[in-house]
Protein backbone atom coordinates (compact mmCIF):
# COMPACT_ATOMS: atom_id res chain seq x y z
CA MET A 1 -72.96 48.98 24.90
CA PRO A 2 -72.32 52.36 23.22
CA ASP A 3 -69.34 54.38 24.41
CA PHE A 4 -71.09 57.50 25.71
CA ILE A 5 -69.06 60.67 26.21
CA PHE A 6 -70.70 61.07 29.62
CA PRO A 7 -73.03 58.80 31.65
CA PRO A 8 -76.60 58.89 30.30
CA MET A 9 -79.38 59.91 32.64
CA PRO A 10 -81.28 57.02 34.24
CA PRO A 11 -84.73 56.30 32.78
CA VAL A 12 -87.70 58.18 34.21
CA SER A 13 -90.17 55.97 36.06
CA VAL A 14 -93.26 56.33 38.25
CA ALA A 15 -94.13 54.29 41.32
CA ILE A 16 -97.03 51.84 41.08
CA HIS A 17 -99.27 51.75 44.12
CA GLY A 18 -99.08 48.45 45.98
CA ARG A 19 -96.42 46.91 43.76
CA ASP A 20 -92.64 46.70 43.61
CA ALA A 21 -92.70 47.25 39.83
CA TRP A 22 -92.30 50.67 38.18
CA PHE A 23 -93.90 52.39 35.19
CA PRO A 24 -91.25 53.52 32.66
CA VAL A 25 -92.14 56.91 31.15
CA HIS A 26 -91.94 57.41 27.38
CA ARG A 27 -93.65 60.75 26.73
CA VAL A 28 -95.86 63.17 28.67
CA TYR A 29 -98.83 64.62 26.79
CA CYS A 30 -101.31 67.19 28.13
CA VAL A 31 -104.67 68.41 26.93
CA GLY A 32 -105.88 71.97 27.42
CA LYS A 33 -109.37 73.36 27.98
CA ASN A 34 -111.05 70.00 28.63
CA TYR A 35 -113.37 71.22 31.39
CA ALA A 36 -116.01 73.72 30.26
CA GLU A 37 -115.74 76.06 33.24
CA HIS A 38 -111.95 76.16 33.05
CA ALA A 39 -112.12 76.89 29.32
CA ARG A 40 -114.47 79.78 30.06
CA GLU A 41 -112.23 81.17 32.82
CA MET A 42 -109.40 81.14 30.27
CA GLY A 43 -111.54 83.00 27.71
CA SER A 44 -112.48 80.14 25.35
CA ASP A 45 -115.68 78.55 24.06
CA PRO A 46 -115.67 74.91 25.23
CA ASP A 47 -118.64 73.96 23.05
CA ARG A 48 -116.81 74.90 19.85
CA GLU A 49 -113.16 74.07 20.35
CA ALA A 50 -111.57 70.64 20.04
CA PRO A 51 -108.95 69.90 22.70
CA CYS A 52 -105.51 71.39 22.19
CA PHE A 53 -102.49 69.28 23.03
CA PHE A 54 -99.03 70.12 24.33
CA SER A 55 -96.27 68.13 25.97
CA LYS A 56 -93.77 68.17 28.79
CA PRO A 57 -90.33 66.52 28.84
CA ALA A 58 -90.33 63.13 30.52
CA ASP A 59 -87.89 64.33 33.16
CA ALA A 60 -90.35 67.00 34.30
CA VAL A 61 -92.07 64.08 36.09
CA VAL A 62 -91.33 64.05 39.83
CA PRO A 63 -92.98 62.36 42.81
CA GLY A 64 -96.20 63.97 43.98
CA LEU A 65 -95.17 63.61 47.62
CA GLY A 66 -92.51 65.93 48.99
CA GLU A 67 -90.96 69.21 47.94
CA ILE A 68 -90.73 70.94 44.56
CA PRO A 69 -89.00 74.29 44.01
CA TYR A 70 -90.68 77.40 42.68
CA PRO A 71 -89.40 77.81 39.10
CA PRO A 72 -87.12 80.70 38.14
CA GLY A 73 -88.14 83.29 35.58
CA SER A 74 -91.76 83.64 36.74
CA SER A 75 -93.76 85.52 39.33
CA ASN A 76 -97.13 83.88 38.61
CA VAL A 77 -97.03 80.07 38.85
CA HIS A 78 -100.36 78.22 38.90
CA HIS A 79 -101.52 74.78 39.98
CA GLU A 80 -103.68 72.66 37.64
CA ILE A 81 -104.89 69.38 39.18
CA GLU A 82 -105.47 66.59 36.63
CA LEU A 83 -106.39 62.95 36.11
CA VAL A 84 -103.48 61.20 34.38
CA ALA A 85 -103.88 58.12 32.17
CA ALA A 86 -100.94 55.70 31.96
CA LEU A 87 -100.64 53.65 28.77
CA GLY A 88 -99.33 50.09 28.62
CA ALA A 89 -99.58 49.85 24.82
CA GLY A 90 -99.87 52.24 21.91
CA GLY A 91 -101.12 52.65 18.38
CA ARG A 92 -102.27 55.09 15.73
CA ASN A 93 -105.73 56.22 14.63
CA LEU A 94 -107.44 54.46 17.52
CA SER A 95 -111.13 54.51 18.32
CA PRO A 96 -112.06 55.64 21.84
CA GLU A 97 -112.70 52.01 22.78
CA GLN A 98 -109.35 50.87 21.38
CA ALA A 99 -107.59 53.74 23.10
CA LEU A 100 -109.10 52.89 26.50
CA ASP A 101 -107.86 49.33 26.09
CA ARG A 102 -104.31 50.74 26.14
CA VAL A 103 -104.80 52.30 29.60
CA VAL A 104 -103.24 50.24 32.40
CA GLY A 105 -103.59 52.73 35.24
CA TYR A 106 -104.48 56.19 36.47
CA ALA A 107 -102.74 58.73 38.67
CA VAL A 108 -103.17 62.26 39.99
CA GLY A 109 -100.94 64.91 38.47
CA VAL A 110 -100.40 68.64 38.73
CA ASP A 111 -99.66 70.60 35.56
CA MET A 112 -97.55 73.35 37.11
CA THR A 113 -97.72 76.39 34.84
CA ARG A 114 -95.81 79.65 34.56
CA ARG A 115 -99.00 81.59 33.80
CA ASP A 116 -97.27 84.89 33.08
CA LEU A 117 -95.06 83.25 30.46
CA GLN A 118 -98.03 81.37 29.00
CA HIS A 119 -100.02 84.59 28.58
CA ALA A 120 -97.02 86.29 26.96
CA ALA A 121 -96.55 83.37 24.57
CA LYS A 122 -100.24 83.39 23.63
CA ASP A 123 -100.13 87.11 22.92
CA ARG A 124 -97.12 86.66 20.63
CA GLY A 125 -98.29 83.44 19.00
CA GLN A 126 -95.28 81.60 20.44
CA PRO A 127 -94.95 78.03 21.81
CA TRP A 128 -95.73 77.27 25.45
CA ASP A 129 -92.55 75.31 26.23
CA THR A 130 -91.17 77.66 28.88
CA ALA A 131 -94.61 78.00 30.47
CA LYS A 132 -95.36 74.28 30.69
CA GLY A 133 -92.21 72.20 30.24
CA PHE A 134 -89.89 73.39 33.00
CA ASP A 135 -88.13 71.29 35.65
CA TYR A 136 -90.42 69.74 38.30
CA SER A 137 -93.52 70.82 36.34
CA ALA A 138 -95.25 67.41 36.36
CA PRO A 139 -95.53 66.05 39.92
CA ILE A 140 -97.55 62.84 39.91
CA SER A 141 -98.89 60.36 42.44
CA PRO A 142 -98.15 56.63 42.31
CA ILE A 143 -100.15 54.94 39.55
CA THR A 144 -103.18 52.84 40.50
CA MET A 145 -103.41 49.92 38.09
CA VAL A 146 -106.75 49.06 36.46
CA GLU A 147 -108.14 46.43 34.13
CA HIS A 148 -107.52 47.11 30.46
CA GLY A 149 -110.37 49.18 29.02
CA SER A 150 -111.41 50.63 32.38
CA ASP A 151 -112.75 54.16 32.08
CA LEU A 152 -112.97 56.52 35.02
CA GLN A 153 -116.18 58.31 34.11
CA ARG A 154 -116.93 60.06 37.37
CA GLY A 155 -115.31 60.93 40.67
CA ARG A 156 -114.32 64.02 42.60
CA ILE A 157 -111.18 65.88 41.48
CA TRP A 158 -109.85 68.54 43.85
CA ILE A 159 -106.87 70.45 45.16
CA GLU A 160 -106.35 72.63 48.22
CA VAL A 161 -103.63 75.17 48.92
CA ASN A 162 -102.75 75.72 52.58
CA GLY A 163 -105.95 73.92 53.52
CA GLU A 164 -108.20 76.06 51.31
CA ILE A 165 -110.04 74.32 48.47
CA ARG A 166 -109.15 75.89 45.11
CA GLN A 167 -110.36 73.39 42.49
CA ASP A 168 -113.29 71.07 43.20
CA ALA A 169 -115.18 69.31 40.41
CA ASP A 170 -115.99 65.88 38.97
CA ILE A 171 -114.18 64.16 36.13
CA SER A 172 -117.57 63.61 34.51
CA ASP A 173 -117.39 67.36 33.73
CA MET A 174 -114.74 66.71 31.06
CA THR A 175 -115.69 67.97 27.61
CA TRP A 176 -113.83 65.01 26.07
CA ASN A 177 -113.64 61.80 28.12
CA VAL A 178 -110.43 59.78 28.48
CA GLY A 179 -111.11 57.51 25.51
CA GLU A 180 -111.96 60.45 23.26
CA VAL A 181 -108.86 62.38 24.34
CA LEU A 182 -106.59 59.40 23.61
CA ALA A 183 -108.29 58.68 20.28
CA GLN A 184 -107.77 62.26 19.10
CA LEU A 185 -104.18 62.24 20.34
CA SER A 186 -103.52 59.02 18.40
CA ARG A 187 -104.37 60.84 15.17
CA LEU A 188 -101.51 63.26 15.82
CA PHE A 189 -98.89 60.95 17.38
CA GLU A 190 -98.21 57.25 17.55
CA LEU A 191 -99.01 56.44 21.16
CA ARG A 192 -96.64 54.05 22.91
CA ALA A 193 -96.37 52.06 26.11
CA GLY A 194 -95.06 54.38 28.81
CA ASP A 195 -96.98 57.45 27.68
CA LEU A 196 -98.61 59.57 30.40
CA VAL A 197 -101.57 61.72 29.38
CA PHE A 198 -102.69 64.61 31.60
CA THR A 199 -106.39 64.92 30.72
CA GLY A 200 -107.15 68.53 31.62
CA THR A 201 -107.98 70.62 34.67
CA PRO A 202 -111.24 71.99 36.10
CA ALA A 203 -111.96 75.61 36.96
CA GLY A 204 -110.31 77.27 39.93
CA VAL A 205 -106.66 77.34 38.90
CA GLY A 206 -104.64 79.85 40.87
CA PRO A 207 -101.21 80.99 42.03
CA VAL A 208 -98.83 79.27 44.41
CA ASN A 209 -95.87 80.75 46.29
CA PRO A 210 -92.84 79.42 48.14
CA GLY A 211 -94.00 78.00 51.46
CA ASP A 212 -97.40 76.89 50.15
CA SER A 213 -98.58 73.34 50.74
CA LEU A 214 -100.68 71.59 48.08
CA ARG A 215 -102.83 68.53 48.61
CA GLY A 216 -105.16 67.07 46.03
CA GLY A 217 -106.61 63.97 44.48
CA VAL A 218 -109.08 62.13 42.33
CA GLU A 219 -111.57 59.84 44.02
CA GLY A 220 -110.20 56.31 44.31
CA LEU A 221 -106.58 57.23 43.46
CA GLN A 222 -103.48 58.10 45.47
CA GLU A 223 -103.25 61.75 46.50
CA ILE A 224 -100.53 64.33 45.92
CA ASP A 225 -99.06 66.24 48.87
CA LEU A 226 -96.49 68.91 47.99
CA LEU A 227 -94.56 71.77 49.54
CA ILE A 228 -93.40 74.62 47.30
CA THR A 229 -89.87 75.63 48.24
CA PRO A 230 -87.91 78.73 47.15
CA VAL A 231 -86.28 79.02 43.74
CA ARG A 232 -83.19 76.82 43.53
CA THR A 233 -79.92 78.46 42.58
CA ALA A 234 -77.43 75.76 43.63
CA GLY A 235 -75.68 73.95 40.83
CA ALA A 236 -75.72 76.91 38.44
CA GLU A 237 -72.03 76.48 37.83
CA ASN A 238 -72.63 73.14 36.10
CA GLY A 239 -76.07 73.80 34.67
CA GLY A 240 -77.82 72.18 37.61
CA ILE A 241 -77.04 68.66 36.38
CA ASP A 242 -76.07 66.02 38.90
CA PRO A 243 -75.23 62.82 37.01
CA GLY A 244 -76.02 60.72 40.08
CA GLN A 245 -79.53 61.98 40.67
CA GLY A 246 -81.53 61.61 37.45
CA GLY A 247 -83.40 64.27 35.52
CA ARG A 248 -82.03 67.57 34.27
CA SER A 249 -82.66 69.29 37.55
CA GLY A 250 -81.32 66.64 39.85
CA ILE A 251 -84.32 64.77 41.28
CA GLY A 252 -87.24 62.64 40.37
CA ALA A 253 -86.26 60.70 37.27
CA ASP A 254 -84.50 57.93 39.21
CA CYS A 255 -87.01 55.78 41.09
CA ARG A 256 -84.70 55.79 44.14
CA HIS A 257 -85.95 59.31 44.86
CA TRP A 258 -89.60 58.25 45.16
CA PRO A 259 -90.96 58.02 48.68
CA ASP A 260 -92.16 54.68 49.98
CA LYS A 261 -95.30 53.50 48.25
């Protein structure tokens, strides 16, 4: 066992619906502009552009049931409801069929986004890290396991804020289906077991504020149910790190902080 200079953070894991086992997270990938109407509302041409990829740190993953704080440094944070594919194996240069065979489950995720920082980064040609990869930015439901090669081709995807529907579409509206997304991603990265892939969001993204409640889902999967709390300032004296909690911001990475499945 290496002699670490301080205790390493516990591994990030996601609950599996109906099982006592856990899904260990390797990386979190996301795809942008994968629903035509959302691409149009963001000012792009979905018929011409291949999907763009970005990532979030693994410890941005937190349970999709409970509270998440509004992030600091932004006054325009948006929800983006997404189908998430969970990989049980990896590979490079995969075909869509081979890529689907690596999928062991699906979940519902929310790509929380500092929209004001994203727009500023786009205007300056800068990376999106601060807009997409902040603490608590990837709440996710427990994973529903599936047979290898299973492809969710259709089903309602939706989210409501304070009881009002904001996004409401069908995953069949994706420009690139799950297998195609994973195949293209495998040409850029070596996919591995433990990867989570957020597959894009439909039209209707919008702002959230402290005190807002979010509920959403994908047909046949576990739902998310979140409360946005005020910006957290506690822990600033030590950088917000609590070695006993897991994750940079103190919750979520350690499976002990997941609610009962």
